[in-house]
Amino acid sequence: MNTVLITGSNGLIGSAAVSFFASKADLVLGLDNNMRKHFFGDNGDTKWNELNLKNKFKNFIPHNVDIRDVEQLKKIFKKYNTDIDLIIHAAAQPSHDWAANNPILDFQVNANGTLNLLQLTNLFSKDAVFIFTSTNKVYGNTPNQLPMIEKEHRWELDPDHAFYPNGINETMSIDNSTHSIFGASKVAADIMTQEYGKYFGLKTGVFRAGCLTGPFHSGVRLHGFLSYLVKCAVSNITYTINGYKGKQVRDNLHSFDLINMFWHFFKNPKIGEIYNVGGSRYSNCSLLEAIDIVQKITDKHLSTNYSDKHRKGDHIWWISDISKFRKHYPKWEFTYNLENIIIEIFSEFNNR
């Protein structure tokens, strides 16, 4: 490989991509202006991760560039042009709550930023593979219409439903639902990425992810729940459970496993393809179950309080059906289960 361009390179997915592709590409270009600090304050600062990557990988070149700034982006695309083999677009405003208070900036980052990258790819690097890190929030709150059964520690899908064995697949509608403002901006980016594939012929892949996490996640109250749970446990911070009795279910995918999916897609790309990706039935938990596991692994009591008000558009139950991706790329396998993920987060937190 010649050159890989990674947006959001200081963040969870971007930094994992830098680490993965540094041994496979001649150059790894990172685009990150540390806007996560603007979104979430000092606790969201990812500059430490950029310094870590620069020290580890001599072929990593970071750029302090805002993806909304098309002129700055154009300079990079003009310079590297057809040398760019792969673009991994992971930069985003990732919080539902933040987006609700800042809808214009959220849309500018998530939708307009993605369009800028797609258009410049089409102009300068048309043969490159373009991978977009989307979200399961493009489905809005439609999953909440599924038949649920309340159990002691979690909500569960009715065993008679077609989605029960493997989770929710790509046939679910993304229309006529409450997405959250964040979800709506990601829908725009998701559809545009597909369209640049189907209309212009770009090799684009859309990965609709559930909860993504890993050791370098700068978890904060509004985003990154497993990482933030560990932080609360070891720092004696009270964690607030928002609605659904704490029984809401999420699947959890390690950042390495997602980047490995990207690698498989790069080697055999499709045109405007979509995939639901996540921990599936292999790695999932309710919030109550996650709290219990975190307490056992950290050997700390996690103080909690409860709010009856759930976040608008929030899913009661989400487990991703990854069967479509597995069918297209049968050699891909999970490497991390839920407990492995939390143990690694805890270990890295202690090392910081």
Protein backbone atom coordinates (compact mmCIF):
# COMPACT_ATOMS: atom_id res chain seq x y z
CA MET A 1 0.00 0.00 0.00
CA ASN A 2 1.14 3.54 -0.71
CA THR A 3 -0.86 5.88 1.49
CA VAL A 4 -3.76 5.56 3.94
CA LEU A 5 -5.68 8.66 4.99
CA ILE A 6 -7.50 8.44 8.33
CA THR A 7 -9.82 11.13 9.69
CA GLY A 8 -10.35 11.35 13.43
CA SER A 9 -6.92 9.79 13.81
CA ASN A 10 -6.58 10.73 17.49
CA GLY A 11 -9.84 9.04 18.44
CA LEU A 12 -10.77 5.49 19.29
CA ILE A 13 -11.32 4.13 15.77
CA GLY A 14 -8.89 6.44 14.01
CA SER A 15 -5.98 5.63 16.32
CA ALA A 16 -6.72 1.91 16.06
CA ALA A 17 -6.63 2.31 12.27
CA VAL A 18 -3.29 4.14 12.45
CA SER A 19 -1.83 1.34 14.58
CA PHE A 20 -3.18 -1.35 12.26
CA PHE A 21 -2.15 0.19 8.94
CA ALA A 22 1.24 1.62 9.97
CA SER A 23 2.80 -1.77 9.24
CA LYS A 24 0.95 -2.17 5.94
CA ALA A 25 1.29 1.26 4.27
CA ASP A 26 4.24 3.44 3.30
CA LEU A 27 2.50 6.49 4.75
CA VAL A 28 -0.37 6.95 7.19
CA LEU A 29 -1.89 10.43 7.08
CA GLY A 30 -3.91 11.49 10.10
CA LEU A 31 -6.49 14.29 10.04
CA ASP A 32 -7.56 15.44 13.51
CA ASN A 33 -7.99 18.91 15.02
CA ASN A 34 -8.81 17.59 18.52
CA MET A 35 -12.39 18.84 18.23
CA ARG A 36 -13.43 16.18 20.74
CA LYS A 37 -12.01 18.53 23.39
CA HIS A 38 -14.40 21.22 22.12
CA PHE A 39 -17.30 18.77 22.32
CA PHE A 40 -16.55 17.26 25.73
CA GLY A 41 -14.04 19.50 27.51
CA ASP A 42 -10.65 18.50 28.88
CA ASN A 43 -11.79 14.93 29.54
CA GLY A 44 -12.36 14.50 25.81
CA ASP A 45 -8.90 15.74 24.86
CA THR A 46 -7.15 13.25 22.54
CA LYS A 47 -3.88 15.10 21.95
CA TRP A 48 -2.10 12.58 24.20
CA ASN A 49 -3.05 9.86 21.73
CA GLU A 50 -1.58 11.75 18.78
CA LEU A 51 1.73 12.10 20.63
CA ASN A 52 1.62 8.39 21.44
CA LEU A 53 1.08 7.51 17.76
CA LYS A 54 3.87 9.85 16.58
CA ASN A 55 6.30 8.21 18.96
CA LYS A 56 5.30 4.70 17.89
CA PHE A 57 5.06 5.05 14.12
CA LYS A 58 7.60 6.99 12.08
CA ASN A 59 5.45 6.79 8.93
CA PHE A 60 2.48 8.47 10.66
CA ILE A 61 2.03 12.12 9.65
CA PRO A 62 -0.66 13.98 11.63
CA HIS A 63 -2.41 17.06 10.23
CA ASN A 64 -4.33 19.56 12.35
CA VAL A 65 -7.14 19.90 9.82
CA ASP A 66 -10.88 20.42 10.25
CA ILE A 67 -12.92 18.27 7.85
CA ARG A 68 -15.31 21.21 7.39
CA ASP A 69 -12.45 23.20 5.81
CA VAL A 70 -12.57 22.09 2.20
CA GLU A 71 -9.60 24.23 1.12
CA GLN A 72 -7.28 22.68 3.70
CA LEU A 73 -8.52 19.22 2.75
CA LYS A 74 -7.97 19.96 -0.94
CA LYS A 75 -4.28 20.74 -0.30
CA ILE A 76 -3.80 17.27 1.17
CA PHE A 77 -5.71 15.48 -1.59
CA LYS A 78 -3.83 17.44 -4.27
CA LYS A 79 -0.48 16.58 -2.70
CA TYR A 80 -1.05 12.83 -2.31
CA ASN A 81 -3.56 12.41 -5.13
CA THR A 82 -3.61 8.90 -6.60
CA ASP A 83 -1.09 7.65 -4.03
CA ILE A 84 -4.01 7.42 -1.60
CA ASP A 85 -5.20 3.81 -1.63
CA LEU A 86 -7.56 3.91 1.33
CA ILE A 87 -9.57 6.53 3.20
CA ILE A 88 -11.02 5.64 6.60
CA HIS A 89 -13.44 8.34 7.69
CA ALA A 90 -13.87 8.11 11.45
CA ALA A 91 -14.02 11.81 12.39
CA ALA A 92 -17.38 12.79 13.83
CA GLN A 93 -19.37 14.60 16.44
CA PRO A 94 -20.47 11.42 18.26
CA SER A 95 -22.87 12.48 21.02
CA HIS A 96 -26.70 12.53 20.89
CA ASP A 97 -26.94 14.98 23.78
CA TRP A 98 -24.33 17.39 22.42
CA ALA A 99 -25.96 17.38 18.98
CA ALA A 100 -29.37 18.31 20.41
CA ASN A 101 -27.87 21.52 21.82
CA ASN A 102 -25.68 22.23 18.78
CA PRO A 103 -27.54 20.88 15.72
CA ILE A 104 -25.91 23.13 13.11
CA LEU A 105 -22.34 22.36 14.13
CA ASP A 106 -23.22 18.67 14.47
CA PHE A 107 -24.53 18.59 10.89
CA GLN A 108 -21.59 20.58 9.55
CA VAL A 109 -19.14 18.07 11.01
CA ASN A 110 -21.01 14.83 10.37
CA ALA A 111 -22.74 15.53 7.05
CA ASN A 112 -20.86 18.37 5.35
CA GLY A 113 -17.48 17.04 6.48
CA THR A 114 -18.28 13.65 4.96
CA LEU A 115 -19.45 15.25 1.70
CA ASN A 116 -16.20 17.24 1.47
CA LEU A 117 -14.16 14.05 1.78
CA LEU A 118 -16.28 12.13 -0.73
CA GLN A 119 -16.11 14.90 -3.33
CA LEU A 120 -12.34 15.27 -2.99
CA THR A 121 -11.92 11.50 -3.21
CA ASN A 122 -13.94 11.54 -6.42
CA LEU A 123 -11.84 14.39 -7.83
CA PHE A 124 -8.32 13.33 -6.81
CA SER A 125 -8.28 9.71 -5.58
CA LYS A 126 -11.03 7.99 -7.52
CA ASP A 127 -9.48 4.52 -7.26
CA ALA A 128 -9.17 4.67 -3.47
CA VAL A 129 -11.39 2.63 -1.17
CA PHE A 130 -13.55 4.89 1.02
CA ILE A 131 -14.78 3.49 4.35
CA PHE A 132 -17.29 5.44 6.43
CA THR A 133 -17.82 4.73 10.12
CA SER A 134 -21.59 5.12 10.38
CA THR A 135 -23.89 4.21 13.28
CA ASN A 136 -26.89 2.07 14.13
CA LYS A 137 -28.65 5.34 14.99
CA VAL A 138 -29.47 5.68 11.29
CA TYR A 139 -32.33 3.28 12.12
CA GLY A 140 -33.74 5.82 14.56
CA ASN A 141 -35.98 4.43 17.29
CA THR A 142 -37.52 1.83 14.96
CA PRO A 143 -35.84 -0.97 16.99
CA ASN A 144 -38.04 0.08 19.93
CA GLN A 145 -41.08 -1.13 17.99
CA LEU A 146 -39.78 -4.71 18.18
CA PRO A 147 -41.56 -7.03 20.64
CA MET A 148 -39.61 -6.99 23.92
CA ILE A 149 -39.69 -9.19 26.99
CA GLU A 150 -38.53 -7.77 30.33
CA LYS A 151 -36.17 -10.03 32.25
CA GLU A 152 -34.51 -9.55 35.63
CA HIS A 153 -31.42 -7.75 34.35
CA ARG A 154 -32.16 -6.95 30.70
CA TRP A 155 -34.72 -6.43 28.00
CA GLU A 156 -34.71 -9.21 25.43
CA LEU A 157 -36.30 -9.67 22.04
CA ASP A 158 -39.22 -12.06 21.72
CA PRO A 159 -37.68 -15.44 20.78
CA ASP A 160 -40.30 -15.85 18.04
CA HIS A 161 -39.09 -12.75 16.18
CA ALA A 162 -36.91 -13.19 13.08
CA PHE A 163 -34.21 -10.92 14.55
CA TYR A 164 -33.89 -12.93 17.77
CA PRO A 165 -31.20 -15.48 16.74
CA ASN A 166 -28.64 -13.08 15.23
CA GLY A 167 -29.81 -9.52 15.87
CA ILE A 168 -31.01 -6.66 13.66
CA ASN A 169 -29.97 -6.76 10.01
CA GLU A 170 -29.79 -4.21 7.21
CA THR A 171 -33.41 -4.77 6.09
CA MET A 172 -34.71 -2.56 8.91
CA SER A 173 -36.05 0.77 7.61
CA ILE A 174 -34.13 3.97 8.33
CA ASP A 175 -37.22 6.07 7.55
CA ASN A 176 -40.14 7.49 9.58
CA SER A 177 -38.60 7.40 13.04
CA THR A 178 -36.92 9.58 15.66
CA HIS A 179 -33.19 9.38 15.04
CA SER A 180 -31.85 12.00 17.45
CA ILE A 181 -30.18 15.03 15.85
CA PHE A 182 -26.89 13.12 15.82
CA GLY A 183 -28.56 10.17 14.08
CA ALA A 184 -30.09 12.42 11.42
CA SER A 185 -26.73 13.98 10.53
CA LYS A 186 -25.19 10.51 10.28
CA VAL A 187 -28.07 9.38 8.03
CA ALA A 188 -27.17 12.17 5.60
CA ALA A 189 -23.51 11.09 5.59
CA ASP A 190 -24.44 7.40 5.36
CA ILE A 191 -26.69 7.91 2.33
CA MET A 192 -24.21 10.22 0.62
CA THR A 193 -21.42 7.67 1.02
CA GLN A 194 -23.63 5.01 -0.56
CA GLU A 195 -24.57 7.42 -3.35
CA TYR A 196 -20.97 8.28 -4.26
CA GLY A 197 -20.54 4.55 -4.73
CA LYS A 198 -23.71 3.80 -6.65
CA TYR A 199 -23.76 7.04 -8.69
CA PHE A 200 -20.06 7.80 -9.26
CA GLY A 201 -18.70 4.26 -8.93
CA LEU A 202 -16.47 4.86 -5.91
CA LYS A 203 -15.53 1.85 -3.81
CA THR A 204 -17.44 2.94 -0.72
CA GLY A 205 -18.33 0.91 2.35
CA VAL A 206 -20.69 2.04 5.11
CA PHE A 207 -20.25 0.34 8.48
CA ARG A 208 -23.25 0.91 10.76
CA ALA A 209 -21.78 0.30 14.17
CA GLY A 210 -23.27 -0.24 17.59
CA CYS A 211 -21.12 0.48 20.64
CA LEU A 212 -17.45 0.64 19.71
CA THR A 213 -14.78 0.66 22.37
CA GLY A 214 -11.20 -0.20 23.22
CA PRO A 215 -8.30 0.72 25.48
CA PHE A 216 -7.71 4.18 24.01
CA HIS A 217 -11.30 5.36 24.30
CA SER A 218 -11.53 8.77 26.01
CA GLY A 219 -14.88 7.91 27.56
CA VAL A 220 -17.00 10.81 28.85
CA ARG A 221 -20.47 11.12 30.33
CA LEU A 222 -22.16 11.67 26.99
CA HIS A 223 -20.22 9.11 24.95
CA GLY A 224 -18.28 5.86 25.34
CA PHE A 225 -20.25 4.07 28.01
CA LEU A 226 -17.97 1.08 28.78
CA SER A 227 -14.89 3.28 29.02
CA TYR A 228 -16.79 5.80 31.13
CA LEU A 229 -18.13 3.05 33.42
CA VAL A 230 -14.57 1.93 34.14
CA LYS A 231 -13.52 5.53 34.72
CA CYS A 232 -16.40 6.05 37.17
CA ALA A 233 -15.51 2.87 39.07
CA VAL A 234 -11.82 3.64 39.53
CA SER A 235 -12.32 7.38 40.09
CA ASN A 236 -15.29 7.09 42.46
CA ILE A 237 -17.61 9.03 40.14
CA THR A 238 -21.36 8.43 40.39
CA TYR A 239 -22.78 7.01 37.15
CA THR A 240 -26.28 8.10 36.07
CA ILE A 241 -28.51 5.44 34.49
CA ASN A 242 -30.92 7.05 32.02
CA GLY A 243 -34.24 5.21 31.72
CA TYR A 244 -35.37 1.69 30.81
CA LYS A 245 -34.52 0.54 34.38
CA GLY A 246 -30.90 0.14 33.30
CA LYS A 247 -31.94 -2.94 31.32
CA GLN A 248 -31.22 -1.47 27.87
CA VAL A 249 -29.03 -3.81 25.83
CA ARG A 250 -26.04 -2.95 23.64
CA ASP A 251 -23.59 -5.08 21.72
CA ASN A 252 -19.95 -4.07 22.01
CA LEU A 253 -17.23 -4.34 19.36
CA HIS A 254 -13.52 -3.83 20.01
CA SER A 255 -11.85 -1.23 17.82
CA PHE A 256 -9.29 -3.78 16.55
CA ASP A 257 -12.04 -6.11 15.34
CA LEU A 258 -13.70 -3.25 13.45
CA ILE A 259 -10.42 -2.17 11.81
CA ASN A 260 -9.84 -5.78 10.81
CA MET A 261 -13.25 -5.64 9.11
CA PHE A 262 -12.04 -2.55 7.24
CA TRP A 263 -8.92 -4.46 6.16
CA HIS A 264 -11.00 -7.31 4.74
CA PHE A 265 -13.22 -4.82 2.91
CA PHE A 266 -10.19 -2.99 1.49
CA LYS A 267 -8.78 -6.20 0.02
CA ASN A 268 -12.07 -6.98 -1.72
CA PRO A 269 -14.11 -3.76 -1.87
CA LYS A 270 -17.73 -3.33 -2.93
CA ILE A 271 -19.57 -0.40 -4.46
CA GLY A 272 -21.84 1.56 -2.10
CA GLU A 273 -22.28 -1.35 0.32
CA ILE A 274 -23.74 -1.20 3.84
CA TYR A 275 -23.04 -3.46 6.82
CA ASN A 276 -24.40 -3.64 10.33
CA VAL A 277 -21.39 -4.25 12.57
CA GLY A 278 -21.11 -4.84 16.30
CA GLY A 279 -20.54 -7.43 18.97
CA SER A 280 -23.68 -9.30 17.86
CA ARG A 281 -24.82 -12.22 20.03
CA TYR A 282 -21.14 -12.88 20.76
CA SER A 283 -20.51 -9.74 22.84
CA ASN A 284 -23.42 -7.81 24.36
CA CYS A 285 -24.81 -6.73 27.72
CA SER A 286 -27.40 -4.62 29.46
CA LEU A 287 -26.26 -1.57 31.41
CA LEU A 288 -26.96 -3.39 34.69
CA GLU A 289 -24.92 -6.37 33.49
CA ALA A 290 -22.08 -4.07 32.41
CA ILE A 291 -22.01 -2.41 35.84
CA ASP A 292 -21.78 -5.82 37.50
CA ILE A 293 -18.90 -6.93 35.24
CA VAL A 294 -17.01 -3.64 35.72
CA GLN A 295 -17.29 -3.93 39.50
CA LYS A 296 -15.93 -7.48 39.42
CA ILE A 297 -13.02 -6.65 37.12
CA THR A 298 -12.00 -3.42 38.88
CA ASP A 299 -12.81 -4.74 42.37
CA LYS A 300 -14.45 -1.36 43.00
CA HIS A 301 -17.98 -0.40 43.98
CA LEU A 302 -19.63 1.67 41.26
CA SER A 303 -21.98 4.27 42.70
CA THR A 304 -25.08 4.90 40.55
CA ASN A 305 -28.20 7.01 40.52
CA TYR A 306 -31.24 6.58 38.31
CA SER A 307 -33.20 8.94 36.10
CA ASP A 308 -36.55 7.82 34.68
CA LYS A 309 -35.94 9.94 31.59
CA HIS A 310 -34.26 8.04 28.77
CA ARG A 311 -32.46 9.87 26.00
CA LYS A 312 -34.75 10.78 23.10
CA GLY A 313 -34.53 8.17 20.34
CA ASP A 314 -32.43 5.85 22.53
CA HIS A 315 -32.64 2.14 21.80
CA ILE A 316 -34.10 -0.27 24.35
CA TRP A 317 -32.38 -3.22 22.70
CA TRP A 318 -29.75 -3.33 20.01
CA ILE A 319 -27.78 -6.33 18.85
CA SER A 320 -26.23 -6.19 15.37
CA ASP A 321 -26.68 -9.01 12.90
CA ILE A 322 -23.30 -9.21 11.17
CA SER A 323 -24.28 -12.14 8.93
CA LYS A 324 -24.04 -10.08 5.74
CA PHE A 325 -20.45 -9.05 6.46
CA ARG A 326 -19.54 -12.62 7.46
CA LYS A 327 -21.01 -13.91 4.20
CA HIS A 328 -18.93 -11.44 2.15
CA TYR A 329 -15.78 -11.92 4.28
CA PRO A 330 -15.88 -15.38 5.86
CA LYS A 331 -12.25 -15.29 7.04
CA TRP A 332 -12.92 -12.46 9.50
CA GLU A 333 -13.30 -13.48 13.17
CA PHE A 334 -13.83 -11.83 16.56
CA THR A 335 -10.76 -11.54 18.77
CA TYR A 336 -12.32 -9.81 21.82
CA ASN A 337 -15.35 -10.74 23.91
CA LEU A 338 -17.04 -8.41 26.41
CA GLU A 339 -14.92 -9.30 29.44
CA ASN A 340 -11.68 -9.09 27.41
CA ILE A 341 -12.70 -5.60 26.30
CA ILE A 342 -13.38 -4.34 29.84
CA ILE A 343 -10.19 -5.92 31.23
CA GLU A 344 -8.13 -4.16 28.55
CA ILE A 345 -9.84 -0.79 29.18
CA PHE A 346 -9.16 -1.16 32.92
CA SER A 347 -5.53 -2.10 32.33
CA GLU A 348 -4.90 0.85 30.00
CA PHE A 349 -6.66 3.25 32.38
CA ASN A 350 -4.25 2.23 35.13
CA ASN A 351 -1.27 2.79 32.82
CA ARG A 352 -2.17 6.36 31.84
